[in-house]
Amino acid sequence: MAANVGYAHEDAFDEGFLQVDQIHNLHYEQYGPRDGKPVIFLHGGPGAGTSKANTAFFDPVIYRVVLLDQRGAGKSTPCAELRENTTQHLVADIEALRTHLGIPKWHMVFGGSWGSTLSLAYAQTHPAMVGSLVLRGIYLGSREEGDWAENAGAAFYPEAQRAVLDFLPTPEQRADRTRSYYELTTQGDDRATRLAAARAWNKREMCMSATKPDPEALRELEDEDWVMSHTCLELHYFVHDCFLEPLQFLRPENAARIAHIPTSLVQGRLDLLCPPAYAWKLHEALPRSRLYIIDGAGHSALEPGTFKQLKAVCDEYAQLE
């Protein structure tokens, strides 16, 4: 995969935790100028967490970049915590962080994969707080999208799919794979089995995320906290239909709430996790949005064509008032 030339940021000028309830303590970091145009980066998963590398899309002269580790993810504590962890809680957390940091309004909300789902949920709940939307690898949080990835998408990596299915030996378990895997990885005292199952789940997803899986990326599977938070949180949201009504973002009354917001959708043509049909549906619901379908690209933001387009859109939106 060709190297992506992104922006280089200095170390974070601010890093801290925000206690949002009696359970969750959220980690955040800020980069760029303190008086820059504020953008919040919403990570995927759920459960993936953030890193400094996520700042590469944003001009450090212009953007004040806020990275937020969502509940149970990244450096937020407790790790992999499922209690009080719903889409509605995460939307409220974004508002709480905005207020905590003294930001009157986000110049941009940027999210990929699950981050695109959360971005839409936040924007439709608080449209006055969003100046622009940049969404990648569109995921609308529907069961049909999950079923497609679990079957048609995973069929492109039969060896990784087999490793997952080996943890579900009975027909009853395989009849509802997602719930069975959720129960397997979140319940029981056998941590070794839970961890092995979680690694298989994550490896399959990582293989499906890029047109040419990066062996270096697979090293993340050595991080037990990351493996468990990513798997358990992802499955927690999937079995609860992401705590959303079916395709609620496409309902005319909901789409109308954000129709005025400059929105760009960047979608890999060969995305095995979030197929382009759903980016197209969102574009139809938001006819003033711009849809960029990147030929030859998969799901990952690091696919060269996808990375280049995301950076270009962020450069363009930097000029918005």
Protein backbone atom coordinates (compact mmCIF):
# COMPACT_ATOMS: atom_id res chain seq x y z
CA MET A 1 0.00 0.00 0.00
CA ALA A 2 1.38 3.39 -0.97
CA ALA A 3 2.36 5.68 1.86
CA ASN A 4 -0.12 8.39 2.73
CA VAL A 5 1.26 11.87 3.17
CA GLY A 6 -0.72 13.44 5.98
CA TYR A 7 -0.25 16.41 8.25
CA ALA A 8 2.25 16.17 11.11
CA HIS A 9 1.10 17.54 14.45
CA GLU A 10 3.09 18.44 17.51
CA ASP A 11 2.26 16.59 20.71
CA ALA A 12 -1.13 17.25 22.27
CA PHE A 13 -1.42 20.63 23.95
CA ASP A 14 -4.04 19.19 26.30
CA GLU A 15 -4.90 15.71 27.53
CA GLY A 16 -7.35 14.74 30.21
CA PHE A 17 -10.35 12.81 31.46
CA LEU A 18 -13.98 13.81 31.73
CA GLN A 19 -16.10 11.98 34.30
CA VAL A 20 -19.55 11.69 32.71
CA ASP A 21 -21.29 9.50 35.29
CA GLN A 22 -20.53 7.21 38.21
CA ILE A 23 -19.10 4.57 35.89
CA HIS A 24 -17.39 6.18 32.89
CA ASN A 25 -14.30 8.38 32.73
CA LEU A 26 -13.61 9.53 29.17
CA HIS A 27 -10.14 10.22 27.82
CA TYR A 28 -9.56 13.03 25.33
CA GLU A 29 -6.65 14.83 23.66
CA GLN A 30 -6.35 18.14 21.79
CA TYR A 31 -3.93 19.04 19.00
CA GLY A 32 -3.21 22.11 16.89
CA PRO A 33 -3.80 25.75 17.81
CA ARG A 34 -5.93 26.43 20.87
CA ASP A 35 -7.88 29.03 18.88
CA GLY A 36 -8.16 26.85 15.77
CA LYS A 37 -11.34 25.67 14.11
CA PRO A 38 -12.54 22.80 16.31
CA VAL A 39 -13.03 19.36 14.78
CA ILE A 40 -13.94 16.24 16.73
CA PHE A 41 -12.70 12.89 15.42
CA LEU A 42 -15.12 10.05 16.20
CA HIS A 43 -13.48 6.65 16.01
CA GLY A 44 -14.96 3.46 14.69
CA GLY A 45 -15.64 0.05 16.14
CA PRO A 46 -17.43 0.67 18.43
CA GLY A 47 -14.45 0.24 20.70
CA ALA A 48 -11.51 1.09 18.44
CA GLY A 49 -10.20 4.13 20.34
CA THR A 50 -8.05 6.98 19.01
CA SER A 51 -4.37 7.75 18.49
CA LYS A 52 -2.29 10.71 17.38
CA ALA A 53 -2.26 9.22 13.86
CA ASN A 54 -5.92 10.26 13.55
CA THR A 55 -4.84 13.90 13.31
CA ALA A 56 -3.18 13.40 9.90
CA PHE A 57 -6.20 14.63 7.92
CA PHE A 58 -6.26 18.06 9.54
CA ASP A 59 -4.06 21.09 8.82
CA PRO A 60 -2.33 21.88 12.14
CA VAL A 61 -2.24 25.58 11.28
CA ILE A 62 -6.03 25.74 11.04
CA TYR A 63 -7.66 22.93 13.00
CA ARG A 64 -7.98 22.36 16.72
CA VAL A 65 -8.34 18.58 16.68
CA VAL A 66 -10.19 16.86 19.52
CA LEU A 67 -9.79 13.09 19.89
CA LEU A 68 -12.30 11.33 22.12
CA ASP A 69 -12.10 7.75 23.32
CA GLN A 70 -15.72 6.65 23.57
CA ARG A 71 -17.09 4.81 26.60
CA GLY A 72 -15.09 1.65 27.30
CA ALA A 73 -12.64 2.31 24.45
CA GLY A 74 -9.03 3.43 24.16
CA LYS A 75 -7.78 5.02 27.37
CA SER A 76 -11.28 5.64 28.72
CA THR A 77 -12.15 3.67 31.82
CA PRO A 78 -13.37 1.13 32.69
CA CYS A 79 -12.05 -0.78 29.67
CA ALA A 80 -14.73 -2.64 27.66
CA GLU A 81 -17.46 -1.49 30.06
CA LEU A 82 -20.92 -2.25 28.64
CA ARG A 83 -23.08 -0.73 31.37
CA GLU A 84 -24.60 2.65 30.52
CA ASN A 85 -23.13 2.36 27.04
CA THR A 86 -25.56 3.23 24.24
CA THR A 87 -25.59 5.52 21.23
CA GLN A 88 -27.64 8.01 23.21
CA HIS A 89 -25.01 8.04 25.97
CA LEU A 90 -22.25 8.66 23.42
CA VAL A 91 -24.17 11.54 21.82
CA ALA A 92 -24.57 13.12 25.25
CA ASP A 93 -20.85 12.61 25.90
CA ILE A 94 -19.90 14.59 22.79
CA GLU A 95 -22.03 17.49 24.01
CA ALA A 96 -20.57 17.21 27.50
CA LEU A 97 -17.04 17.35 26.08
CA ARG A 98 -17.86 20.31 23.84
CA THR A 99 -19.15 22.21 26.86
CA HIS A 100 -16.23 21.10 29.04
CA LEU A 101 -13.72 22.39 26.46
CA GLY A 102 -15.55 25.69 25.97
CA ILE A 103 -16.22 25.09 22.28
CA PRO A 104 -19.29 27.05 21.07
CA LYS A 105 -19.79 24.84 18.00
CA TRP A 106 -17.89 22.14 16.15
CA HIS A 107 -16.51 23.43 12.86
CA MET A 108 -16.45 19.80 11.74
CA VAL A 109 -17.57 16.40 12.95
CA PHE A 110 -15.44 13.71 11.31
CA GLY A 111 -16.26 10.01 11.61
CA GLY A 112 -15.56 6.77 9.80
CA SER A 113 -17.38 3.44 9.91
CA TRP A 114 -19.13 3.34 13.32
CA GLY A 115 -17.82 6.90 13.67
CA SER A 116 -20.03 7.88 10.72
CA THR A 117 -23.03 6.39 12.53
CA LEU A 118 -22.27 8.31 15.70
CA SER A 119 -21.62 11.50 13.71
CA LEU A 120 -25.06 11.24 12.13
CA ALA A 121 -26.71 10.51 15.47
CA TYR A 122 -25.01 13.51 17.05
CA ALA A 123 -25.72 15.86 14.14
CA GLN A 124 -29.39 14.94 13.94
CA THR A 125 -29.72 15.43 17.71
CA HIS A 126 -27.72 18.69 17.87
CA PRO A 127 -27.73 20.16 14.33
CA ALA A 128 -26.95 23.67 15.56
CA MET A 129 -23.66 22.44 16.99
CA VAL A 130 -22.30 21.03 13.69
CA GLY A 131 -20.67 23.22 11.03
CA SER A 132 -19.79 20.39 8.62
CA LEU A 133 -19.76 16.60 8.37
CA VAL A 134 -17.05 14.41 6.84
CA LEU A 135 -18.09 10.75 6.86
CA ARG A 136 -16.13 7.73 5.63
CA GLY A 137 -17.15 4.09 5.15
CA ILE A 138 -20.79 4.85 5.77
CA TYR A 139 -22.56 2.63 8.29
CA LEU A 140 -26.21 3.36 9.08
CA GLY A 141 -26.40 0.95 12.01
CA SER A 142 -28.94 -1.40 10.47
CA ARG A 143 -29.22 -5.15 10.92
CA GLU A 144 -29.19 -5.70 7.18
CA GLU A 145 -25.76 -4.08 6.92
CA GLY A 146 -24.44 -6.35 9.65
CA ASP A 147 -25.93 -9.42 8.00
CA TRP A 148 -24.31 -8.47 4.69
CA ALA A 149 -20.86 -8.10 6.27
CA GLU A 150 -21.29 -11.29 8.31
CA ASN A 151 -22.13 -13.35 5.22
CA ALA A 152 -21.35 -11.85 1.81
CA GLY A 153 -18.45 -9.70 2.99
CA ALA A 154 -16.85 -12.39 5.14
CA ALA A 155 -17.07 -14.83 2.24
CA PHE A 156 -14.06 -13.08 0.71
CA TYR A 157 -11.94 -14.31 3.64
CA PRO A 158 -13.13 -17.90 4.19
CA GLU A 159 -10.10 -18.78 6.33
CA ALA A 160 -10.79 -15.90 8.73
CA GLN A 161 -14.50 -16.72 8.68
CA ARG A 162 -13.74 -20.35 9.56
CA ALA A 163 -11.67 -19.23 12.55
CA VAL A 164 -14.70 -17.35 13.86
CA LEU A 165 -17.18 -20.12 13.17
CA ASP A 166 -14.98 -22.67 14.93
CA PHE A 167 -15.98 -20.98 18.20
CA LEU A 168 -19.65 -21.66 17.37
CA PRO A 169 -19.79 -25.43 16.87
CA THR A 170 -23.55 -26.02 17.17
CA PRO A 171 -26.31 -25.19 14.66
CA GLU A 172 -28.14 -23.30 17.39
CA GLN A 173 -25.15 -21.01 17.95
CA ARG A 174 -24.67 -20.40 14.25
CA ALA A 175 -28.34 -19.59 13.74
CA ASP A 176 -27.70 -16.26 15.51
CA ARG A 177 -23.95 -15.82 15.20
CA THR A 178 -23.78 -12.29 16.48
CA ARG A 179 -25.66 -12.97 19.70
CA SER A 180 -23.82 -16.24 20.25
CA TYR A 181 -20.47 -14.54 19.82
CA TYR A 182 -21.59 -11.72 22.11
CA GLU A 183 -22.42 -14.22 24.84
CA LEU A 184 -19.17 -16.10 24.24
CA THR A 185 -16.93 -13.05 24.54
CA THR A 186 -18.71 -11.15 27.30
CA GLN A 187 -19.77 -13.94 29.66
CA GLY A 188 -18.05 -16.75 31.49
CA ASP A 189 -14.90 -17.06 33.56
CA ASP A 190 -12.65 -18.60 30.91
CA ARG A 191 -10.76 -15.47 29.84
CA ALA A 192 -8.40 -17.44 27.60
CA THR A 193 -11.30 -18.68 25.46
CA ARG A 194 -12.94 -15.25 25.42
CA LEU A 195 -9.67 -13.65 24.35
CA ALA A 196 -8.99 -16.23 21.63
CA ALA A 197 -12.51 -15.76 20.25
CA ALA A 198 -12.12 -11.99 20.34
CA ARG A 199 -8.84 -12.22 18.44
CA ALA A 200 -10.49 -14.32 15.72
CA TRP A 201 -13.35 -11.81 15.44
CA ASN A 202 -10.96 -8.88 15.16
CA LYS A 203 -8.61 -10.59 12.73
CA ARG A 204 -11.49 -11.28 10.37
CA GLU A 205 -12.59 -7.66 10.51
CA MET A 206 -9.05 -6.38 9.98
CA CYS A 207 -8.66 -8.61 6.93
CA MET A 208 -11.95 -7.33 5.52
CA SER A 209 -11.03 -3.68 6.14
CA ALA A 210 -8.39 -3.25 3.44
CA THR A 211 -7.93 -4.46 -0.10
CA LYS A 212 -4.45 -5.63 0.95
CA PRO A 213 -4.36 -6.38 4.68
CA ASP A 214 -1.35 -4.86 6.40
CA PRO A 215 0.64 -7.41 8.46
CA GLU A 216 1.83 -4.56 10.68
CA ALA A 217 -1.76 -3.70 11.58
CA LEU A 218 -2.32 -7.24 12.87
CA ARG A 219 0.13 -6.53 15.69
CA GLU A 220 -2.74 -4.72 17.39
CA LEU A 221 -4.11 -8.18 18.14
CA GLU A 222 -1.37 -8.49 20.78
CA ASP A 223 -3.03 -5.75 22.86
CA GLU A 224 -5.48 -7.65 25.06
CA ASP A 225 -7.36 -4.55 26.24
CA TRP A 226 -7.88 -3.36 22.68
CA VAL A 227 -8.96 -6.81 21.50
CA MET A 228 -11.54 -7.18 24.25
CA SER A 229 -12.90 -3.64 24.12
CA HIS A 230 -13.23 -3.67 20.35
CA THR A 231 -14.97 -7.05 20.24
CA CYS A 232 -17.22 -6.71 23.27
CA LEU A 233 -18.34 -3.16 22.50
CA GLU A 234 -18.89 -3.92 18.84
CA LEU A 235 -21.01 -6.97 19.59
CA HIS A 236 -22.86 -5.12 22.36
CA TYR A 237 -23.96 -2.51 19.85
CA PHE A 238 -24.71 -5.02 17.10
CA VAL A 239 -27.03 -7.19 19.22
CA HIS A 240 -28.92 -4.05 20.23
CA ASP A 241 -29.22 -2.76 16.64
CA CYS A 242 -26.91 0.10 17.63
CA PHE A 243 -29.72 1.41 19.84
CA LEU A 244 -31.32 2.91 16.72
CA GLU A 245 -34.59 2.53 14.89
CA PRO A 246 -34.21 0.75 11.51
CA LEU A 247 -32.51 3.14 9.08
CA GLN A 248 -33.65 6.08 11.20
CA PHE A 249 -31.09 8.44 9.63
CA LEU A 250 -32.84 8.13 6.26
CA ARG A 251 -36.27 9.19 7.48
CA PRO A 252 -37.20 12.46 5.77
CA GLU A 253 -37.89 14.28 9.03
CA ASN A 254 -34.48 13.27 10.41
CA ALA A 255 -32.54 13.95 7.22
CA ALA A 256 -34.17 17.39 7.04
CA ARG A 257 -32.57 18.33 10.36
CA ILE A 258 -29.08 18.20 8.82
CA ALA A 259 -29.84 18.95 5.17
CA HIS A 260 -28.27 22.41 5.49
CA ILE A 261 -24.94 21.13 6.86
CA PRO A 262 -22.10 20.84 4.31
CA THR A 263 -21.57 17.08 4.12
CA SER A 264 -19.07 14.92 2.25
CA LEU A 265 -19.30 11.13 2.07
CA VAL A 266 -16.13 9.22 1.16
CA GLN A 267 -16.73 5.57 0.38
CA GLY A 268 -14.53 2.74 -0.89
CA ARG A 269 -16.00 0.94 -3.87
CA LEU A 270 -14.68 -2.42 -2.59
CA ASP A 271 -15.72 -2.01 1.05
CA LEU A 272 -16.50 -5.49 2.45
CA LEU A 273 -17.73 -4.20 5.82
CA CYS A 274 -19.89 -1.24 4.80
CA PRO A 275 -21.00 -1.69 1.18
CA PRO A 276 -21.44 1.43 -0.99
CA ALA A 277 -25.19 0.92 -1.38
CA TYR A 278 -25.73 2.52 2.03
CA ALA A 279 -23.56 5.52 1.27
CA TRP A 280 -25.70 5.94 -1.82
CA LYS A 281 -28.90 5.74 0.26
CA LEU A 282 -27.59 8.41 2.60
CA HIS A 283 -26.60 10.60 -0.34
CA GLU A 284 -30.12 10.28 -1.74
CA ALA A 285 -31.56 11.27 1.64
CA LEU A 286 -29.17 14.26 1.73
CA PRO A 287 -29.22 15.42 -1.91
CA ARG A 288 -26.97 18.41 -1.16
CA SER A 289 -24.25 16.12 0.16
CA ARG A 290 -21.28 15.14 -1.98
CA LEU A 291 -20.52 11.46 -2.47
CA TYR A 292 -17.02 10.35 -3.43
CA ILE A 293 -16.82 6.65 -4.32
CA ILE A 294 -13.18 5.64 -4.44
CA ASP A 295 -12.50 2.95 -7.01
CA GLY A 296 -10.13 0.22 -5.90
CA ALA A 297 -10.47 1.14 -2.22
CA GLY A 298 -11.79 -0.92 0.66
CA HIS A 299 -13.05 0.12 4.07
CA SER A 300 -9.96 1.56 5.70
CA ALA A 301 -9.31 5.29 5.89
CA LEU A 302 -5.69 4.44 5.02
CA GLU A 303 -6.53 3.19 1.53
CA PRO A 304 -4.49 5.67 -0.59
CA GLY A 305 -7.40 7.06 -2.62
CA THR A 306 -9.62 7.35 0.45
CA PHE A 307 -6.94 9.04 2.55
CA LYS A 308 -6.21 11.54 -0.24
CA GLN A 309 -9.89 12.43 -0.65
CA LEU A 310 -10.52 12.81 3.07
CA LYS A 311 -7.55 15.13 3.41
CA ALA A 312 -8.70 17.17 0.40
CA VAL A 313 -12.21 17.57 1.84
CA CYS A 314 -10.81 18.65 5.21
CA ASP A 315 -8.59 21.20 3.45
CA GLU A 316 -11.61 22.53 1.57
CA TYR A 317 -13.84 22.71 4.66
CA ALA A 318 -11.09 24.56 6.51
CA GLN A 319 -12.09 27.57 4.42
CA LEU A 320 -15.70 27.51 5.64
CA GLU A 321 -16.71 30.25 8.04
